[in-house]
Amino acid sequence: MGRKWNNIKEKKASKDASTSRIYAKFGREIYVAAKQGEPDPESNRALKVVLERAKTYSVPKAIIDRAIEKAKGGSEETYDELRYEGFGPNGSMIIVDTLTNNVNRTVAEVRSAFKKNGGNMGVSGSVAFMFDATAVIGLEGKAADEVLELLMEADVDVRDILEEDEAVIVYAEPDMFHAIQEAFKNVGITDFTVAELSMLAQNDVILSEEDQVQFEKLIDALEDLEDVQQVYHNVDFGE
């Protein structure tokens, strides 16, 4: 599991370097979640998940409020949630989740990013079966055994709990996301280093230095696309 957390850290680090674009993506995601249900995170679980993620990326309150108010205001702007799957060099696999108001534009841009950077798109299901949907929640200031005891007392099931880089990372089924956070919040823990519903590869691959450079260009090209919200992959970038 440790390598999987490294990949999430890599993604967060790359996003931290391009905050305006990331804030725009969160604004869209918050709007869609608020539009699909009540614009209240206490009654809209999808919205609550997005807001918890946004908190770990330090998304400004003004951007969050603007997106929710837009949904409350009855905006007719609509987005489709689409997933694309593909391959990079030497067994690397990629999942691309998008929110788009123009499907033709998005599929063309995703296909072009793959083609221009040494990859190719696959059919639906060609990659996703090698990944597991996973809740990933991290916090600091606690030991793994303390966290395990806390979650056991709250009757919350998890897949794994590991201490990594001065943080404790909890891996669990996606439907445990809220239960884990509530268990922490009930003992006064409200700040998390990561709070993600992610797609984690069942097996990682290690690329040669040359292939890794090419792969990173491919990931950067995909993440730079306006309609792309999340990119998941099975490459271990190491430390």
C-alpha atoms as a PDB file:
ATOM      1  CA  MET A   1       0.000   0.000   0.000  1.00  0.00           C
ATOM      2  CA  GLY A   2       2.881   2.365   0.617  1.00  0.00           C
ATOM      3  CA  ARG A   3       3.605   2.846  -3.063  1.00  0.00           C
ATOM      4  CA  LYS A   4      -0.037   3.739  -3.624  1.00  0.00           C
ATOM      5  CA  TRP A   5       0.215   6.565  -1.078  1.00  0.00           C
ATOM      6  CA  ASN A   6       3.353   7.807  -2.835  1.00  0.00           C
ATOM      7  CA  ASN A   7       1.355   8.092  -6.058  1.00  0.00           C
ATOM      8  CA  ILE A   8      -1.356  10.118  -4.329  1.00  0.00           C
ATOM      9  CA  LYS A   9       1.316  12.415  -2.867  1.00  0.00           C
ATOM     10  CA  GLU A  10       2.794  12.893  -6.328  1.00  0.00           C
ATOM     11  CA  LYS A  11      -0.622  13.922  -7.615  1.00  0.00           C
ATOM     12  CA  LYS A  12      -1.186  16.353  -4.755  1.00  0.00           C
ATOM     13  CA  ALA A  13       2.260  17.875  -5.262  1.00  0.00           C
ATOM     14  CA  SER A  14       1.640  18.417  -8.978  1.00  0.00           C
ATOM     15  CA  LYS A  15      -1.727  19.973  -8.244  1.00  0.00           C
ATOM     16  CA  ASP A  16      -0.217  22.274  -5.627  1.00  0.00           C
ATOM     17  CA  ALA A  17       1.966  23.693  -8.382  1.00  0.00           C
ATOM     18  CA  SER A  18      -1.053  24.766 -10.476  1.00  0.00           C
ATOM     19  CA  THR A  19      -3.569  26.005  -7.944  1.00  0.00           C
ATOM     20  CA  SER A  20      -5.742  28.186 -10.191  1.00  0.00           C
ATOM     21  CA  ARG A  21      -6.481  25.281 -12.514  1.00  0.00           C
ATOM     22  CA  ILE A  22      -7.146  22.962  -9.584  1.00  0.00           C
ATOM     23  CA  TYR A  23      -9.509  25.435  -7.963  1.00  0.00           C
ATOM     24  CA  ALA A  24     -11.444  25.662 -11.226  1.00  0.00           C
ATOM     25  CA  LYS A  25     -11.767  21.866 -11.350  1.00  0.00           C
ATOM     26  CA  PHE A  26     -13.011  21.777  -7.765  1.00  0.00           C
ATOM     27  CA  GLY A  27     -15.496  24.543  -8.500  1.00  0.00           C
ATOM     28  CA  ARG A  28     -16.969  22.455 -11.292  1.00  0.00           C
ATOM     29  CA  GLU A  29     -17.039  19.289  -9.208  1.00  0.00           C
ATOM     30  CA  ILE A  30     -18.697  21.055  -6.261  1.00  0.00           C
ATOM     31  CA  TYR A  31     -21.298  22.600  -8.561  1.00  0.00           C
ATOM     32  CA  VAL A  32     -22.159  19.215 -10.118  1.00  0.00           C
ATOM     33  CA  ALA A  33     -22.436  17.494  -6.722  1.00  0.00           C
ATOM     34  CA  ALA A  34     -24.610  20.294  -5.317  1.00  0.00           C
ATOM     35  CA  LYS A  35     -26.764  20.313  -8.454  1.00  0.00           C
ATOM     36  CA  GLN A  36     -27.416  16.554  -8.315  1.00  0.00           C
ATOM     37  CA  GLY A  37     -28.797  16.655  -4.772  1.00  0.00           C
ATOM     38  CA  GLU A  38     -29.457  19.117  -1.989  1.00  0.00           C
ATOM     39  CA  PRO A  39     -26.849  21.914  -1.865  1.00  0.00           C
ATOM     40  CA  ASP A  40     -26.201  20.971   1.775  1.00  0.00           C
ATOM     41  CA  PRO A  41     -23.285  18.645   2.597  1.00  0.00           C
ATOM     42  CA  GLU A  42     -25.096  17.256   5.634  1.00  0.00           C
ATOM     43  CA  SER A  43     -27.811  15.790   3.405  1.00  0.00           C
ATOM     44  CA  ASN A  44     -25.785  15.341   0.215  1.00  0.00           C
ATOM     45  CA  ARG A  45     -23.025  12.762   0.676  1.00  0.00           C
ATOM     46  CA  ALA A  46     -21.483  13.320  -2.739  1.00  0.00           C
ATOM     47  CA  LEU A  47     -21.110  17.013  -1.971  1.00  0.00           C
ATOM     48  CA  LYS A  48     -19.651  16.244   1.447  1.00  0.00           C
ATOM     49  CA  VAL A  49     -16.959  14.018  -0.103  1.00  0.00           C
ATOM     50  CA  VAL A  50     -15.963  16.755  -2.565  1.00  0.00           C
ATOM     51  CA  LEU A  51     -15.814  19.375   0.189  1.00  0.00           C
ATOM     52  CA  GLU A  52     -13.622  17.129   2.364  1.00  0.00           C
ATOM     53  CA  ARG A  53     -11.242  16.672  -0.595  1.00  0.00           C
ATOM     54  CA  ALA A  54     -11.290  20.406  -1.285  1.00  0.00           C
ATOM     55  CA  LYS A  55     -10.259  21.082   2.300  1.00  0.00           C
ATOM     56  CA  THR A  56      -7.087  18.992   1.923  1.00  0.00           C
ATOM     57  CA  TYR A  57      -6.185  21.052  -1.174  1.00  0.00           C
ATOM     58  CA  SER A  58      -6.859  24.358   0.642  1.00  0.00           C
ATOM     59  CA  VAL A  59      -9.541  25.433  -1.831  1.00  0.00           C
ATOM     60  CA  PRO A  60     -10.683  28.940  -0.810  1.00  0.00           C
ATOM     61  CA  LYS A  61     -14.114  29.274   0.790  1.00  0.00           C
ATOM     62  CA  ALA A  62     -15.088  31.864  -1.814  1.00  0.00           C
ATOM     63  CA  ILE A  63     -14.729  29.315  -4.620  1.00  0.00           C
ATOM     64  CA  ILE A  64     -16.730  26.716  -2.691  1.00  0.00           C
ATOM     65  CA  ASP A  65     -19.495  29.175  -1.841  1.00  0.00           C
ATOM     66  CA  ARG A  66     -19.670  30.449  -5.423  1.00  0.00           C
ATOM     67  CA  ALA A  67     -20.129  26.933  -6.814  1.00  0.00           C
ATOM     68  CA  ILE A  68     -22.840  26.052  -4.284  1.00  0.00           C
ATOM     69  CA  GLU A  69     -24.664  29.342  -4.854  1.00  0.00           C
ATOM     70  CA  LYS A  70     -24.546  28.694  -8.599  1.00  0.00           C
ATOM     71  CA  ALA A  71     -26.268  25.342  -8.026  1.00  0.00           C
ATOM     72  CA  LYS A  72     -28.822  26.936  -5.698  1.00  0.00           C
ATOM     73  CA  GLY A  73     -29.523  29.600  -8.299  1.00  0.00           C
ATOM     74  CA  GLY A  74     -30.911  27.062 -10.728  1.00  0.00           C
ATOM     75  CA  SER A  75     -28.177  27.273 -13.353  1.00  0.00           C
ATOM     76  CA  GLU A  76     -29.043  25.174 -16.401  1.00  0.00           C
ATOM     77  CA  GLU A  77     -25.399  24.296 -17.050  1.00  0.00           C
ATOM     78  CA  THR A  78     -25.062  20.517 -17.129  1.00  0.00           C
ATOM     79  CA  TYR A  79     -22.104  18.143 -17.174  1.00  0.00           C
ATOM     80  CA  ASP A  80     -21.679  14.474 -18.032  1.00  0.00           C
ATOM     81  CA  GLU A  81     -19.438  12.286 -15.889  1.00  0.00           C
ATOM     82  CA  LEU A  82     -17.351  10.130 -18.229  1.00  0.00           C
ATOM     83  CA  ARG A  83     -14.483   7.716 -17.671  1.00  0.00           C
ATOM     84  CA  TYR A  84     -11.784   6.887 -20.211  1.00  0.00           C
ATOM     85  CA  GLU A  85      -9.213   4.130 -19.940  1.00  0.00           C
ATOM     86  CA  GLY A  86      -5.885   3.706 -21.661  1.00  0.00           C
ATOM     87  CA  PHE A  87      -2.315   2.528 -21.696  1.00  0.00           C
ATOM     88  CA  GLY A  88       1.109   4.124 -21.464  1.00  0.00           C
ATOM     89  CA  PRO A  89       4.531   2.534 -22.033  1.00  0.00           C
ATOM     90  CA  ASN A  90       5.366  -1.017 -20.871  1.00  0.00           C
ATOM     91  CA  GLY A  91       2.248  -2.157 -19.074  1.00  0.00           C
ATOM     92  CA  SER A  92       1.293   1.161 -17.521  1.00  0.00           C
ATOM     93  CA  MET A  93      -2.452   1.669 -17.155  1.00  0.00           C
ATOM     94  CA  ILE A  94      -4.418   4.881 -16.795  1.00  0.00           C
ATOM     95  CA  ILE A  95      -7.962   5.844 -15.797  1.00  0.00           C
ATOM     96  CA  VAL A  96      -9.205   9.335 -16.670  1.00  0.00           C
ATOM     97  CA  ASP A  97     -12.358  10.713 -15.008  1.00  0.00           C
ATOM     98  CA  THR A  98     -13.942  13.765 -16.603  1.00  0.00           C
ATOM     99  CA  LEU A  99     -16.789  16.234 -16.195  1.00  0.00           C
ATOM    100  CA  THR A 100     -17.797  17.726 -19.512  1.00  0.00           C
ATOM    101  CA  ASN A 101     -20.440  19.818 -21.194  1.00  0.00           C
ATOM    102  CA  ASN A 102     -19.135  18.755 -24.612  1.00  0.00           C
ATOM    103  CA  VAL A 103     -18.521  15.020 -24.950  1.00  0.00           C
ATOM    104  CA  ASN A 104     -17.090  15.229 -28.475  1.00  0.00           C
ATOM    105  CA  ARG A 105     -14.521  17.808 -27.413  1.00  0.00           C
ATOM    106  CA  THR A 106     -13.481  15.832 -24.359  1.00  0.00           C
ATOM    107  CA  VAL A 107     -13.010  12.469 -26.042  1.00  0.00           C
ATOM    108  CA  ALA A 108     -11.017  14.125 -28.839  1.00  0.00           C
ATOM    109  CA  GLU A 109      -8.738  15.915 -26.371  1.00  0.00           C
ATOM    110  CA  VAL A 110      -8.181  12.816 -24.224  1.00  0.00           C
ATOM    111  CA  ARG A 111      -7.436  10.677 -27.288  1.00  0.00           C
ATOM    112  CA  SER A 112      -5.017  13.312 -28.599  1.00  0.00           C
ATOM    113  CA  ALA A 113      -3.190  13.509 -25.240  1.00  0.00           C
ATOM    114  CA  PHE A 114      -2.677   9.740 -25.278  1.00  0.00           C
ATOM    115  CA  LYS A 115      -1.580   9.649 -28.917  1.00  0.00           C
ATOM    116  CA  LYS A 116       0.880  12.550 -28.680  1.00  0.00           C
ATOM    117  CA  ASN A 117       2.547  11.198 -25.543  1.00  0.00           C
ATOM    118  CA  GLY A 118       3.241   7.557 -26.300  1.00  0.00           C
ATOM    119  CA  GLY A 119      -0.034   6.070 -25.115  1.00  0.00           C
ATOM    120  CA  ASN A 120      -3.269   4.792 -26.564  1.00  0.00           C
ATOM    121  CA  MET A 121      -6.874   4.703 -25.436  1.00  0.00           C
ATOM    122  CA  GLY A 122      -8.556   1.413 -24.638  1.00  0.00           C
ATOM    123  CA  VAL A 123     -12.172   0.349 -24.606  1.00  0.00           C
ATOM    124  CA  SER A 124     -14.369   0.712 -21.539  1.00  0.00           C
ATOM    125  CA  GLY A 125     -13.376  -1.883 -18.953  1.00  0.00           C
ATOM    126  CA  SER A 126      -9.956  -2.616 -20.435  1.00  0.00           C
ATOM    127  CA  VAL A 127      -8.146  -1.100 -17.454  1.00  0.00           C
ATOM    128  CA  ALA A 128     -10.577  -0.431 -14.608  1.00  0.00           C
ATOM    129  CA  PHE A 129     -10.789  -4.091 -13.568  1.00  0.00           C
ATOM    130  CA  MET A 130      -7.141  -3.838 -12.436  1.00  0.00           C
ATOM    131  CA  PHE A 131      -7.984  -1.055  -9.956  1.00  0.00           C
ATOM    132  CA  ASP A 132      -9.972  -1.003  -6.722  1.00  0.00           C
ATOM    133  CA  ALA A 133     -12.212   1.872  -5.671  1.00  0.00           C
ATOM    134  CA  THR A 134     -10.810   2.864  -2.275  1.00  0.00           C
ATOM    135  CA  ALA A 135     -11.373   5.419   0.464  1.00  0.00           C
ATOM    136  CA  VAL A 136      -8.003   6.891   1.469  1.00  0.00           C
ATOM    137  CA  ILE A 137      -7.891   9.030   4.610  1.00  0.00           C
ATOM    138  CA  GLY A 138      -4.701  10.298   6.223  1.00  0.00           C
ATOM    139  CA  LEU A 139      -3.989  12.164   9.438  1.00  0.00           C
ATOM    140  CA  GLU A 140      -1.042  13.220  11.574  1.00  0.00           C
ATOM    141  CA  GLY A 141      -0.442  13.149  15.309  1.00  0.00           C
ATOM    142  CA  LYS A 142      -1.583   9.561  15.908  1.00  0.00           C
ATOM    143  CA  ALA A 143       0.059   6.140  15.770  1.00  0.00           C
ATOM    144  CA  ALA A 144      -1.349   3.344  13.635  1.00  0.00           C
ATOM    145  CA  ASP A 145      -2.333   1.241  16.657  1.00  0.00           C
ATOM    146  CA  GLU A 146      -4.202   4.211  18.171  1.00  0.00           C
ATOM    147  CA  VAL A 147      -6.128   4.705  14.929  1.00  0.00           C
ATOM    148  CA  LEU A 148      -6.925   1.007  14.674  1.00  0.00           C
ATOM    149  CA  GLU A 149      -8.259   0.953  18.230  1.00  0.00           C
ATOM    150  CA  LEU A 150     -10.319   4.076  17.611  1.00  0.00           C
ATOM    151  CA  LEU A 151     -11.915   2.641  14.469  1.00  0.00           C
ATOM    152  CA  MET A 152     -12.541  -0.733  16.090  1.00  0.00           C
ATOM    153  CA  GLU A 153     -14.371   0.986  18.957  1.00  0.00           C
ATOM    154  CA  ALA A 154     -16.476   2.815  16.369  1.00  0.00           C
ATOM    155  CA  ASP A 155     -17.181  -0.528  14.628  1.00  0.00           C
ATOM    156  CA  VAL A 156     -15.664   0.695  11.348  1.00  0.00           C
ATOM    157  CA  ASP A 157     -14.102  -1.850   8.996  1.00  0.00           C
ATOM    158  CA  VAL A 158     -10.938  -0.957   7.058  1.00  0.00           C
ATOM    159  CA  ARG A 159      -8.634  -2.723   4.611  1.00  0.00           C
ATOM    160  CA  ASP A 160      -5.343  -1.490   6.022  1.00  0.00           C
ATOM    161  CA  ILE A 161      -3.765   1.125   8.310  1.00  0.00           C
ATOM    162  CA  LEU A 162      -0.163   2.147   7.747  1.00  0.00           C
ATOM    163  CA  GLU A 163       2.261   4.694   9.159  1.00  0.00           C
ATOM    164  CA  GLU A 164       3.960   6.527   6.300  1.00  0.00           C
ATOM    165  CA  ASP A 165       5.974   9.763   6.283  1.00  0.00           C
ATOM    166  CA  GLU A 166       4.830  10.884   9.745  1.00  0.00           C
ATOM    167  CA  ALA A 167       1.186  10.261   8.833  1.00  0.00           C
ATOM    168  CA  VAL A 168      -1.250   7.421   9.364  1.00  0.00           C
ATOM    169  CA  ILE A 169      -3.037   6.339   6.193  1.00  0.00           C
ATOM    170  CA  VAL A 170      -6.310   4.424   6.353  1.00  0.00           C
ATOM    171  CA  TYR A 171      -7.445   2.384   3.343  1.00  0.00           C
ATOM    172  CA  ALA A 172     -11.063   1.189   3.270  1.00  0.00           C
ATOM    173  CA  GLU A 173     -14.078   0.395   1.125  1.00  0.00           C
ATOM    174  CA  PRO A 174     -15.582   3.551  -0.421  1.00  0.00           C
ATOM    175  CA  ASP A 175     -18.800   3.233   1.590  1.00  0.00           C
ATOM    176  CA  MET A 176     -16.725   3.532   4.786  1.00  0.00           C
ATOM    177  CA  PHE A 177     -15.491   7.031   3.885  1.00  0.00           C
ATOM    178  CA  HIS A 178     -18.032   8.909   5.999  1.00  0.00           C
ATOM    179  CA  ALA A 179     -17.986   6.428   8.879  1.00  0.00           C
ATOM    180  CA  ILE A 180     -14.193   6.766   9.209  1.00  0.00           C
ATOM    181  CA  GLN A 181     -14.346  10.548   9.204  1.00  0.00           C
ATOM    182  CA  GLU A 182     -17.177  10.594  11.733  1.00  0.00           C
ATOM    183  CA  ALA A 183     -15.208   8.278  14.016  1.00  0.00           C
ATOM    184  CA  PHE A 184     -12.275  10.694  13.890  1.00  0.00           C
ATOM    185  CA  LYS A 185     -14.420  13.792  14.310  1.00  0.00           C
ATOM    186  CA  ASN A 186     -16.115  12.263  17.358  1.00  0.00           C
ATOM    187  CA  VAL A 187     -12.741  12.379  19.136  1.00  0.00           C
ATOM    188  CA  GLY A 188     -11.880  15.859  17.911  1.00  0.00           C
ATOM    189  CA  ILE A 189      -9.880  15.024  14.771  1.00  0.00           C
ATOM    190  CA  THR A 190     -11.063  17.274  11.957  1.00  0.00           C
ATOM    191  CA  ASP A 191      -7.953  17.921   9.852  1.00  0.00           C
ATOM    192  CA  PHE A 192      -6.775  15.335   7.328  1.00  0.00           C
ATOM    193  CA  THR A 193      -3.706  15.227   5.117  1.00  0.00           C
ATOM    194  CA  VAL A 194      -5.693  13.319   2.502  1.00  0.00           C
ATOM    195  CA  ALA A 195      -9.383  12.522   2.111  1.00  0.00           C
ATOM    196  CA  GLU A 196      -9.931  10.845  -1.238  1.00  0.00           C
ATOM    197  CA  LEU A 197     -12.184   8.379  -2.969  1.00  0.00           C
ATOM    198  CA  SER A 198      -9.521   6.985  -5.258  1.00  0.00           C
ATOM    199  CA  MET A 199      -8.877   4.192  -7.749  1.00  0.00           C
ATOM    200  CA  LEU A 200      -5.818   2.258  -6.551  1.00  0.00           C
ATOM    201  CA  ALA A 201      -3.998  -0.196  -8.772  1.00  0.00           C
ATOM    202  CA  GLN A 202      -3.949  -3.807  -7.628  1.00  0.00           C
ATOM    203  CA  ASN A 203      -0.372  -4.114  -8.894  1.00  0.00           C
ATOM    204  CA  ASP A 204       2.124  -1.353  -9.586  1.00  0.00           C
ATOM    205  CA  VAL A 205       4.702  -1.325 -12.367  1.00  0.00           C
ATOM    206  CA  ILE A 206       8.147   0.261 -12.385  1.00  0.00           C
ATOM    207  CA  LEU A 207       9.254   1.893 -15.616  1.00  0.00           C
ATOM    208  CA  SER A 208      12.713   2.512 -16.976  1.00  0.00           C
ATOM    209  CA  GLU A 209      13.984   6.066 -16.616  1.00  0.00           C
ATOM    210  CA  GLU A 210      13.216   6.810 -20.274  1.00  0.00           C
ATOM    211  CA  ASP A 211       9.710   5.346 -20.103  1.00  0.00           C
ATOM    212  CA  GLN A 212       8.994   7.171 -16.850  1.00  0.00           C
ATOM    213  CA  VAL A 213       9.853  10.510 -18.440  1.00  0.00           C
ATOM    214  CA  GLN A 214       7.460   9.731 -21.291  1.00  0.00           C
ATOM    215  CA  PHE A 215       4.781   8.537 -18.879  1.00  0.00           C
ATOM    216  CA  GLU A 216       5.006  11.689 -16.776  1.00  0.00           C
ATOM    217  CA  LYS A 217       4.515  13.790 -19.925  1.00  0.00           C
ATOM    218  CA  LEU A 218       1.394  11.765 -20.692  1.00  0.00           C
ATOM    219  CA  ILE A 219      -0.019  12.225 -17.179  1.00  0.00           C
ATOM    220  CA  ASP A 220       0.746  15.958 -17.249  1.00  0.00           C
ATOM    221  CA  ALA A 221      -0.971  16.316 -20.642  1.00  0.00           C
ATOM    222  CA  LEU A 222      -4.089  14.565 -19.359  1.00  0.00           C
ATOM    223  CA  GLU A 223      -4.240  16.509 -16.096  1.00  0.00           C
ATOM    224  CA  ASP A 224      -3.835  19.779 -18.003  1.00  0.00           C
ATOM    225  CA  LEU A 225      -7.097  19.187 -19.888  1.00  0.00           C
ATOM    226  CA  GLU A 226      -9.907  21.415 -18.663  1.00  0.00           C
ATOM    227  CA  ASP A 227     -12.483  18.611 -18.527  1.00  0.00           C
ATOM    228  CA  VAL A 228     -10.294  16.116 -16.657  1.00  0.00           C
ATOM    229  CA  GLN A 229     -10.998  15.855 -12.935  1.00  0.00           C
ATOM    230  CA  GLN A 230      -8.926  12.836 -11.881  1.00  0.00           C
ATOM    231  CA  VAL A 231      -6.176  10.693 -13.379  1.00  0.00           C
ATOM    232  CA  TYR A 232      -5.269   7.353 -11.791  1.00  0.00           C
ATOM    233  CA  HIS A 233      -2.458   5.015 -12.817  1.00  0.00           C
ATOM    234  CA  ASN A 234      -0.447   1.963 -11.780  1.00  0.00           C
ATOM    235  CA  VAL A 235       3.098   3.352 -12.048  1.00  0.00           C
ATOM    236  CA  ASP A 236       5.314   3.402  -8.967  1.00  0.00           C
ATOM    237  CA  PHE A 237       7.370   6.600  -9.136  1.00  0.00           C
ATOM    238  CA  GLY A 238       9.333   5.558  -6.058  1.00  0.00           C
ATOM    239  CA  GLU A 239      10.418   7.968  -3.374  1.00  0.00           C
END
